Amino acid sequence: MTTQPIVVWGEIPVKNLEASAKFYDAVFGWTSKVDRSGPQAMVLLNGAGDTVGANLFEGDTATGNIIHFAVPDNCEAAADRAAAAGGKVLSPAVDIPPGRFIMALDPDGNQIGLFQAREA
């Protein structure tokens, strides 16, 4: 039996996209690039857009890092369960090349992504 990864993506809000990319590239020896395929520009850390990874995006750094979790079915069903369990759904489904996601808050206010991979 194979298991699906639990964490599929991480997001780090930054004040300056280009400056932050230079920092992470310098620290880790990466060559990152700006990706404009989604609803906002982001920097794919290490240029890894086709695998589990992370990105930088310009946003409110007070929100902290965002972890996207794989859902067992689809992101709408997961959003319904999150709301029923005391969370809050923040967005409709967003389509991106590797799949779809919905942003939500857990009961403590931590922002999470509910990610549904695109079918192969």
N, C-alpha and C. Protein backbone atom coordinates (compact mmCIF):
# COMPACT_ATOMS: atom_id res chain seq x y z
N MET A 1 0.84 -1.19 0.00
CA MET A 1 0.00 0.00 0.00
C MET A 1 0.89 1.24 0.00
N THR A 2 0.62 2.15 -0.90
CA THR A 2 1.35 3.41 -0.91
C THR A 2 0.54 4.45 -0.15
N THR A 3 1.22 5.35 0.47
CA THR A 3 0.54 6.42 1.19
C THR A 3 0.79 7.74 0.51
N GLN A 4 -0.17 8.59 0.59
CA GLN A 4 -0.08 9.91 0.00
C GLN A 4 0.63 10.84 0.99
N PRO A 5 1.49 11.74 0.52
CA PRO A 5 2.11 12.68 1.43
C PRO A 5 1.04 13.51 2.14
N ILE A 6 1.27 13.84 3.38
CA ILE A 6 0.33 14.67 4.12
C ILE A 6 0.53 16.13 3.75
N VAL A 7 1.76 16.60 3.86
CA VAL A 7 2.07 17.99 3.51
C VAL A 7 2.49 18.01 2.05
N VAL A 8 1.82 18.83 1.26
CA VAL A 8 2.13 18.89 -0.16
C VAL A 8 2.81 20.19 -0.57
N TRP A 9 2.73 21.22 0.28
CA TRP A 9 3.30 22.50 -0.11
C TRP A 9 3.39 23.39 1.10
N GLY A 10 4.38 24.27 1.12
CA GLY A 10 4.51 25.29 2.15
C GLY A 10 4.61 26.66 1.51
N GLU A 11 4.05 27.67 2.16
CA GLU A 11 4.11 29.04 1.64
C GLU A 11 4.65 29.96 2.71
N ILE A 12 5.53 30.87 2.30
CA ILE A 12 6.13 31.82 3.23
C ILE A 12 5.79 33.22 2.75
N PRO A 13 5.02 33.98 3.55
CA PRO A 13 4.72 35.36 3.15
C PRO A 13 5.94 36.24 3.38
N VAL A 14 6.25 37.08 2.41
CA VAL A 14 7.42 37.97 2.48
C VAL A 14 7.01 39.38 2.07
N LYS A 15 7.83 40.35 2.47
CA LYS A 15 7.55 41.74 2.12
C LYS A 15 8.05 42.10 0.73
N ASN A 16 9.16 41.48 0.29
CA ASN A 16 9.74 41.79 -1.02
C ASN A 16 10.12 40.47 -1.69
N LEU A 17 9.39 40.12 -2.72
CA LEU A 17 9.55 38.83 -3.39
C LEU A 17 10.97 38.61 -3.90
N GLU A 18 11.50 39.56 -4.65
CA GLU A 18 12.82 39.38 -5.25
C GLU A 18 13.93 39.32 -4.19
N ALA A 19 13.87 40.22 -3.21
CA ALA A 19 14.90 40.23 -2.16
C ALA A 19 14.87 38.93 -1.35
N SER A 20 13.68 38.45 -1.05
CA SER A 20 13.57 37.21 -0.28
C SER A 20 14.06 36.02 -1.09
N ALA A 21 13.78 36.00 -2.39
CA ALA A 21 14.28 34.91 -3.24
C ALA A 21 15.80 34.89 -3.23
N LYS A 22 16.41 36.06 -3.31
CA LYS A 22 17.88 36.12 -3.26
C LYS A 22 18.41 35.57 -1.95
N PHE A 23 17.73 35.86 -0.85
CA PHE A 23 18.14 35.34 0.46
C PHE A 23 18.11 33.81 0.48
N TYR A 24 16.98 33.22 0.11
CA TYR A 24 16.85 31.76 0.16
C TYR A 24 17.80 31.08 -0.83
N ASP A 25 17.97 31.67 -2.00
CA ASP A 25 18.92 31.11 -2.97
C ASP A 25 20.34 31.13 -2.42
N ALA A 26 20.72 32.26 -1.76
CA ALA A 26 22.07 32.37 -1.21
C ALA A 26 22.29 31.37 -0.07
N VAL A 27 21.30 31.21 0.79
CA VAL A 27 21.44 30.31 1.94
C VAL A 27 21.52 28.85 1.52
N PHE A 28 20.66 28.45 0.56
CA PHE A 28 20.55 27.03 0.21
C PHE A 28 21.21 26.65 -1.12
N GLY A 29 21.75 27.63 -1.85
CA GLY A 29 22.37 27.33 -3.13
C GLY A 29 21.37 27.01 -4.22
N TRP A 30 20.16 27.53 -4.09
CA TRP A 30 19.11 27.27 -5.07
C TRP A 30 19.16 28.28 -6.21
N THR A 31 18.41 27.97 -7.26
CA THR A 31 18.13 28.91 -8.34
C THR A 31 16.61 28.94 -8.46
N SER A 32 16.01 29.91 -7.81
CA SER A 32 14.55 30.01 -7.78
C SER A 32 14.07 30.91 -8.91
N LYS A 33 12.79 30.80 -9.22
CA LYS A 33 12.25 31.62 -10.30
C LYS A 33 10.85 32.08 -9.96
N VAL A 34 10.45 33.19 -10.55
CA VAL A 34 9.10 33.71 -10.36
C VAL A 34 8.13 32.89 -11.21
N ASP A 35 7.03 32.53 -10.60
CA ASP A 35 5.97 31.78 -11.29
C ASP A 35 4.71 32.64 -11.29
N ARG A 36 4.15 32.87 -12.45
CA ARG A 36 2.94 33.68 -12.57
C ARG A 36 1.75 32.85 -13.05
N SER A 37 1.78 31.52 -12.83
CA SER A 37 0.71 30.65 -13.33
C SER A 37 -0.53 30.66 -12.46
N GLY A 38 -0.43 31.11 -11.23
CA GLY A 38 -1.56 31.11 -10.32
C GLY A 38 -2.17 32.48 -10.17
N PRO A 39 -2.97 32.66 -9.14
CA PRO A 39 -3.67 33.93 -8.94
C PRO A 39 -2.78 35.08 -8.53
N GLN A 40 -1.56 34.82 -8.04
CA GLN A 40 -0.62 35.88 -7.72
C GLN A 40 0.80 35.39 -7.97
N ALA A 41 1.69 36.32 -8.21
CA ALA A 41 3.09 35.96 -8.45
C ALA A 41 3.68 35.33 -7.20
N MET A 42 4.56 34.34 -7.42
CA MET A 42 5.25 33.70 -6.30
C MET A 42 6.61 33.26 -6.80
N VAL A 43 7.48 32.97 -5.87
CA VAL A 43 8.79 32.42 -6.21
C VAL A 43 8.80 30.98 -5.75
N LEU A 44 8.98 30.08 -6.71
CA LEU A 44 9.09 28.66 -6.39
C LEU A 44 10.50 28.42 -5.87
N LEU A 45 10.61 28.04 -4.60
CA LEU A 45 11.92 27.81 -4.02
C LEU A 45 12.60 26.64 -4.72
N ASN A 46 13.81 26.85 -5.16
CA ASN A 46 14.60 25.89 -5.91
C ASN A 46 13.99 25.59 -7.27
N GLY A 47 13.06 26.40 -7.72
CA GLY A 47 12.44 26.19 -9.02
C GLY A 47 11.59 24.93 -9.07
N ALA A 48 11.23 24.38 -7.91
CA ALA A 48 10.55 23.08 -7.83
C ALA A 48 9.04 23.24 -7.91
N GLY A 49 8.51 23.29 -9.11
CA GLY A 49 7.07 23.41 -9.30
C GLY A 49 6.39 22.11 -9.59
N ASP A 50 7.15 21.05 -9.78
CA ASP A 50 6.56 19.77 -10.16
C ASP A 50 6.69 18.71 -9.06
N THR A 51 6.96 19.15 -7.84
CA THR A 51 7.15 18.22 -6.75
C THR A 51 6.74 18.90 -5.45
N VAL A 52 6.78 18.18 -4.36
CA VAL A 52 6.52 18.78 -3.06
C VAL A 52 7.56 19.87 -2.84
N GLY A 53 7.14 21.01 -2.41
CA GLY A 53 8.07 22.11 -2.23
C GLY A 53 7.47 23.24 -1.45
N ALA A 54 7.94 24.44 -1.76
CA ALA A 54 7.46 25.63 -1.07
C ALA A 54 7.63 26.84 -1.97
N ASN A 55 6.94 27.90 -1.60
CA ASN A 55 7.06 29.13 -2.35
C ASN A 55 7.04 30.33 -1.44
N LEU A 56 7.51 31.44 -1.99
CA LEU A 56 7.41 32.74 -1.35
C LEU A 56 6.31 33.51 -2.07
N PHE A 57 5.56 34.33 -1.32
CA PHE A 57 4.60 35.22 -1.95
C PHE A 57 4.56 36.52 -1.17
N GLU A 58 4.28 37.61 -1.87
CA GLU A 58 4.17 38.89 -1.18
C GLU A 58 2.84 38.94 -0.47
N GLY A 59 2.89 39.07 0.84
CA GLY A 59 1.66 39.07 1.61
C GLY A 59 1.90 39.57 3.02
N ASP A 60 0.88 39.50 3.81
CA ASP A 60 0.93 39.93 5.19
C ASP A 60 1.76 38.93 5.99
N THR A 61 2.96 39.33 6.39
CA THR A 61 3.85 38.41 7.09
C THR A 61 3.32 38.05 8.48
N ALA A 62 2.31 38.78 8.96
CA ALA A 62 1.71 38.45 10.26
C ALA A 62 0.90 37.17 10.19
N THR A 63 0.56 36.72 8.98
CA THR A 63 -0.21 35.48 8.88
C THR A 63 0.65 34.25 9.15
N GLY A 64 1.96 34.41 9.07
CA GLY A 64 2.85 33.28 9.28
C GLY A 64 2.88 32.36 8.07
N ASN A 65 3.64 31.29 8.18
CA ASN A 65 3.76 30.32 7.10
C ASN A 65 2.44 29.57 6.91
N ILE A 66 2.20 29.13 5.69
CA ILE A 66 0.98 28.40 5.36
C ILE A 66 1.39 27.02 4.86
N ILE A 67 0.78 25.99 5.43
CA ILE A 67 1.03 24.63 4.99
C ILE A 67 -0.19 24.14 4.23
N HIS A 68 0.04 23.54 3.06
CA HIS A 68 -1.05 22.94 2.28
C HIS A 68 -1.04 21.44 2.52
N PHE A 69 -2.19 20.91 2.91
CA PHE A 69 -2.34 19.49 3.21
C PHE A 69 -3.12 18.80 2.10
N ALA A 70 -2.72 17.58 1.75
CA ALA A 70 -3.46 16.77 0.78
C ALA A 70 -4.78 16.35 1.42
N VAL A 71 -5.86 16.43 0.65
CA VAL A 71 -7.16 15.97 1.14
C VAL A 71 -7.45 14.59 0.56
N PRO A 72 -8.24 13.78 1.27
CA PRO A 72 -8.48 12.41 0.81
C PRO A 72 -9.47 12.31 -0.33
N ASP A 73 -10.21 13.37 -0.62
CA ASP A 73 -11.23 13.32 -1.67
C ASP A 73 -11.14 14.57 -2.54
N ASN A 74 -11.90 15.60 -2.26
CA ASN A 74 -11.78 16.84 -3.01
C ASN A 74 -11.79 18.02 -2.06
N CYS A 75 -11.30 19.16 -2.54
CA CYS A 75 -11.11 20.28 -1.64
C CYS A 75 -12.44 20.86 -1.13
N GLU A 76 -13.51 20.79 -1.92
CA GLU A 76 -14.81 21.28 -1.45
C GLU A 76 -15.33 20.46 -0.27
N ALA A 77 -15.21 19.14 -0.36
CA ALA A 77 -15.65 18.27 0.74
C ALA A 77 -14.81 18.53 1.99
N ALA A 78 -13.51 18.72 1.80
CA ALA A 78 -12.64 19.02 2.94
C ALA A 78 -13.00 20.37 3.55
N ALA A 79 -13.33 21.35 2.72
CA ALA A 79 -13.74 22.67 3.23
C ALA A 79 -15.02 22.55 4.05
N ASP A 80 -15.96 21.74 3.58
CA ASP A 80 -17.20 21.52 4.34
C ASP A 80 -16.89 20.90 5.70
N ARG A 81 -15.98 19.93 5.73
CA ARG A 81 -15.61 19.30 7.00
C ARG A 81 -14.90 20.28 7.92
N ALA A 82 -14.04 21.13 7.33
CA ALA A 82 -13.33 22.13 8.14
C ALA A 82 -14.31 23.09 8.80
N ALA A 83 -15.28 23.57 8.05
CA ALA A 83 -16.28 24.49 8.60
C ALA A 83 -17.12 23.80 9.68
N ALA A 84 -17.52 22.56 9.44
CA ALA A 84 -18.32 21.82 10.41
C ALA A 84 -17.55 21.54 11.70
N ALA A 85 -16.23 21.47 11.60
CA ALA A 85 -15.40 21.16 12.77
C ALA A 85 -14.94 22.43 13.50
N GLY A 86 -15.43 23.60 13.11
CA GLY A 86 -15.10 24.83 13.81
C GLY A 86 -14.11 25.73 13.11
N GLY A 87 -13.70 25.37 11.89
CA GLY A 87 -12.79 26.21 11.12
C GLY A 87 -13.57 27.22 10.30
N LYS A 88 -12.85 27.95 9.47
CA LYS A 88 -13.48 28.95 8.60
C LYS A 88 -12.88 28.83 7.21
N VAL A 89 -13.73 28.75 6.21
CA VAL A 89 -13.28 28.68 4.82
C VAL A 89 -13.06 30.11 4.33
N LEU A 90 -11.89 30.34 3.72
CA LEU A 90 -11.51 31.69 3.30
C LEU A 90 -11.66 31.95 1.81
N SER A 91 -11.71 30.90 0.99
CA SER A 91 -11.71 31.13 -0.45
C SER A 91 -12.47 30.02 -1.16
N PRO A 92 -12.92 30.32 -2.37
CA PRO A 92 -13.39 29.23 -3.22
C PRO A 92 -12.18 28.45 -3.73
N ALA A 93 -12.42 27.37 -4.44
CA ALA A 93 -11.33 26.57 -5.01
C ALA A 93 -10.56 27.40 -6.04
N VAL A 94 -9.24 27.29 -5.98
CA VAL A 94 -8.35 27.96 -6.92
C VAL A 94 -7.65 26.89 -7.74
N ASP A 95 -7.74 26.98 -9.05
CA ASP A 95 -7.06 26.03 -9.94
C ASP A 95 -5.64 26.49 -10.21
N ILE A 96 -4.69 25.58 -10.06
CA ILE A 96 -3.29 25.82 -10.40
C ILE A 96 -2.82 24.60 -11.18
N PRO A 97 -1.70 24.67 -11.87
CA PRO A 97 -1.29 23.53 -12.70
C PRO A 97 -1.26 22.17 -12.00
N PRO A 98 -0.76 22.06 -10.75
CA PRO A 98 -0.74 20.71 -10.15
C PRO A 98 -2.05 20.25 -9.53
N GLY A 99 -3.07 21.13 -9.45
CA GLY A 99 -4.33 20.72 -8.85
C GLY A 99 -5.19 21.90 -8.47
N ARG A 100 -5.83 21.79 -7.30
CA ARG A 100 -6.73 22.83 -6.81
C ARG A 100 -6.55 22.96 -5.30
N PHE A 101 -6.86 24.14 -4.77
CA PHE A 101 -6.80 24.29 -3.32
C PHE A 101 -7.83 25.30 -2.84
N ILE A 102 -8.20 25.16 -1.58
CA ILE A 102 -9.06 26.10 -0.87
C ILE A 102 -8.31 26.52 0.38
N MET A 103 -8.33 27.82 0.68
CA MET A 103 -7.70 28.32 1.89
C MET A 103 -8.72 28.29 3.02
N ALA A 104 -8.23 27.94 4.23
CA ALA A 104 -9.11 27.86 5.40
C ALA A 104 -8.32 28.24 6.65
N LEU A 105 -9.05 28.47 7.73
CA LEU A 105 -8.45 28.69 9.04
C LEU A 105 -8.85 27.53 9.94
N ASP A 106 -7.93 27.07 10.76
CA ASP A 106 -8.30 26.09 11.78
C ASP A 106 -8.93 26.85 12.95
N PRO A 107 -9.47 26.17 13.96
CA PRO A 107 -10.13 26.88 15.06
C PRO A 107 -9.23 27.86 15.82
N ASP A 108 -7.90 27.69 15.74
CA ASP A 108 -6.99 28.61 16.40
C ASP A 108 -6.54 29.76 15.51
N GLY A 109 -7.05 29.82 14.29
CA GLY A 109 -6.71 30.90 13.38
C GLY A 109 -5.51 30.65 12.49
N ASN A 110 -4.97 29.42 12.50
CA ASN A 110 -3.86 29.08 11.61
C ASN A 110 -4.39 28.89 10.20
N GLN A 111 -3.76 29.57 9.23
CA GLN A 111 -4.20 29.43 7.84
C GLN A 111 -3.60 28.17 7.24
N ILE A 112 -4.44 27.38 6.58
CA ILE A 112 -4.01 26.15 5.92
C ILE A 112 -4.60 26.08 4.52
N GLY A 113 -3.96 25.29 3.67
CA GLY A 113 -4.50 25.02 2.35
C GLY A 113 -5.01 23.59 2.30
N LEU A 114 -6.15 23.41 1.65
CA LEU A 114 -6.74 22.09 1.45
C LEU A 114 -6.53 21.74 -0.01
N PHE A 115 -5.55 20.88 -0.29
CA PHE A 115 -5.08 20.66 -1.65
C PHE A 115 -5.59 19.35 -2.23
N GLN A 116 -6.08 19.44 -3.46
CA GLN A 116 -6.55 18.29 -4.24
C GLN A 116 -5.66 18.20 -5.48
N ALA A 117 -4.91 17.12 -5.59
CA ALA A 117 -4.02 16.95 -6.73
C ALA A 117 -4.82 16.73 -8.01
N ARG A 118 -4.28 17.21 -9.12
CA ARG A 118 -4.89 16.99 -10.43
C ARG A 118 -4.76 15.52 -10.78
N GLU A 119 -5.80 14.96 -11.33
CA GLU A 119 -5.75 13.55 -11.72
C GLU A 119 -4.83 13.39 -12.91
N ALA A 120 -4.03 12.35 -12.87
CA ALA A 120 -3.05 12.09 -13.95
C ALA A 120 -3.72 11.63 -15.21
